[in-house]
Amino acid sequence: MDVLYEKGGATVAEVVDCLPDPPSYSAVRAALATLEAKGSVRHEKNGTKFVFIPKTSAETARRSAMRHLIQTFFRGSREQAVAALLEVSPAQFSEEELDRLSGLIEKARKGAKR
């Protein structure tokens, strides 16, 4: 999906060319077919090739994936998901990142009080 978002659309061969250590052409084609069946991408015919195009914005896809991840691995607990992220490598957060996270927490607190 990253390749499709970056390019706005791509053929199977273009996706393969953009991946480091890519899987086989047929594996990429199968993955794109699965994404199309799930409604994440669509295709347009361009000559003899299919160009796969994202159907949702990257932000929408990101939010959907995050909801799924939280539901699947953290039983729906956003707090546990954030705690796990912070526990993975706490020393790798910059002061700026920690400040932004603190700001987001404060914003969430103010929103919850309404």
Protein backbone atom coordinates (compact mmCIF):
# COMPACT_ATOMS: atom_id res chain seq x y z
CA MET A 1 0.00 0.00 0.00
CA ASP A 2 2.87 2.37 0.71
CA VAL A 3 3.96 2.16 -2.93
CA LEU A 4 0.41 2.81 -4.15
CA TYR A 5 0.04 5.82 -1.85
CA GLU A 6 3.43 7.19 -2.86
CA LYS A 7 2.81 6.82 -6.59
CA GLY A 8 -0.95 7.33 -6.57
CA GLY A 9 -1.25 3.99 -8.37
CA ALA A 10 1.06 1.34 -9.76
CA THR A 11 1.22 -1.88 -11.73
CA VAL A 12 2.30 -5.13 -10.11
CA ALA A 13 5.73 -4.78 -11.74
CA GLU A 14 6.12 -1.22 -10.39
CA VAL A 15 5.24 -2.39 -6.89
CA VAL A 16 7.78 -5.22 -7.14
CA ASP A 17 10.45 -2.77 -8.37
CA CYS A 18 9.86 -0.45 -5.41
CA LEU A 19 10.13 -3.10 -2.71
CA PRO A 20 13.43 -3.94 -1.06
CA ASP A 21 13.88 -7.71 -1.19
CA PRO A 22 10.49 -8.16 -2.90
CA PRO A 23 8.43 -11.32 -2.94
CA SER A 24 7.64 -12.90 -6.29
CA TYR A 25 5.59 -11.11 -8.93
CA SER A 26 2.74 -13.59 -8.41
CA ALA A 27 2.79 -13.01 -4.63
CA VAL A 28 2.47 -9.25 -5.14
CA ARG A 29 -0.29 -9.79 -7.70
CA ALA A 30 -2.14 -12.04 -5.23
CA ALA A 31 -1.74 -9.49 -2.43
CA LEU A 32 -3.14 -6.72 -4.64
CA ALA A 33 -6.05 -8.96 -5.66
CA THR A 34 -6.79 -9.59 -1.98
CA LEU A 35 -6.63 -5.86 -1.23
CA GLU A 36 -9.02 -5.26 -4.12
CA ALA A 37 -11.43 -7.95 -2.86
CA LYS A 38 -11.39 -6.26 0.55
CA GLY A 39 -12.18 -2.89 -1.01
CA SER A 40 -8.85 -1.20 -0.27
CA VAL A 41 -7.77 -0.77 -3.89
CA ARG A 42 -9.32 -0.72 -7.33
CA HIS A 43 -7.75 -1.22 -10.72
CA GLU A 44 -7.91 0.50 -14.06
CA LYS A 45 -6.78 -1.04 -17.30
CA ASN A 46 -3.96 0.87 -19.00
CA GLY A 47 -3.23 -0.87 -22.28
CA THR A 48 -2.46 -4.47 -21.36
CA LYS A 49 -1.64 -3.66 -17.73
CA PHE A 50 -3.71 -3.16 -14.62
CA VAL A 51 -2.90 -0.11 -12.54
CA PHE A 52 -3.88 -0.54 -8.89
CA ILE A 53 -5.11 2.60 -7.13
CA PRO A 54 -5.88 3.10 -3.42
CA LYS A 55 -9.59 3.58 -2.71
CA THR A 56 -9.07 5.26 0.65
CA SER A 57 -6.66 7.89 1.87
CA ALA A 58 -3.52 6.85 3.69
CA GLU A 59 -4.88 8.49 6.84
CA THR A 60 -8.14 6.51 6.68
CA ALA A 61 -6.22 3.28 6.10
CA ARG A 62 -3.85 4.10 8.97
CA ARG A 63 -6.74 4.67 11.38
CA SER A 64 -8.48 1.48 10.29
CA ALA A 65 -5.29 -0.54 10.72
CA MET A 66 -4.68 1.00 14.14
CA ARG A 67 -8.24 0.17 15.28
CA HIS A 68 -7.73 -3.40 14.09
CA LEU A 69 -4.34 -3.67 15.82
CA ILE A 70 -5.72 -2.33 19.11
CA GLN A 71 -8.72 -4.66 18.95
CA THR A 72 -6.66 -7.71 17.98
CA PHE A 73 -3.65 -7.41 20.28
CA PHE A 74 -4.87 -5.21 23.14
CA ARG A 75 -8.52 -6.29 23.50
CA GLY A 76 -9.64 -2.78 22.54
CA SER A 77 -7.53 -0.99 25.16
CA ARG A 78 -5.93 2.15 23.70
CA GLU A 79 -4.11 2.66 27.00
CA GLN A 80 -2.43 -0.76 26.75
CA ALA A 81 -1.45 -0.10 23.13
CA VAL A 82 0.18 3.24 23.99
CA ALA A 83 1.91 1.72 27.02
CA ALA A 84 3.31 -1.08 24.86
CA LEU A 85 4.66 1.45 22.37
CA LEU A 86 6.33 3.46 25.11
CA GLU A 87 7.82 0.31 26.67
CA VAL A 88 9.40 -0.94 23.45
CA SER A 89 12.20 1.60 23.37
CA PRO A 90 11.61 4.51 25.75
CA ALA A 91 15.12 5.92 25.32
CA GLN A 92 14.60 6.36 21.59
CA PHE A 93 11.97 9.09 22.01
CA SER A 94 13.29 12.60 21.48
CA GLU A 95 12.27 15.44 23.78
CA GLU A 96 10.21 16.89 20.92
CA GLU A 97 8.32 13.61 20.46
CA LEU A 98 7.65 13.36 24.18
CA ASP A 99 6.40 16.96 24.21
CA ARG A 100 4.03 16.22 21.30
CA LEU A 101 2.76 13.11 23.08
CA SER A 102 2.18 15.12 26.26
CA GLY A 103 0.28 17.69 24.22
CA LEU A 104 -1.91 14.99 22.69
CA ILE A 105 -2.67 13.59 26.14
CA GLU A 106 -3.64 17.04 27.41
CA LYS A 107 -5.85 17.58 24.37
CA ALA A 108 -7.54 14.23 25.02
CA ARG A 109 -8.09 15.16 28.69
CA LYS A 110 -9.74 18.44 27.73
CA GLY A 111 -11.92 16.68 25.16
CA ALA A 112 -13.02 14.05 27.71
CA LYS A 113 -14.16 16.72 30.20
CA ARG A 114 -16.73 18.18 27.80
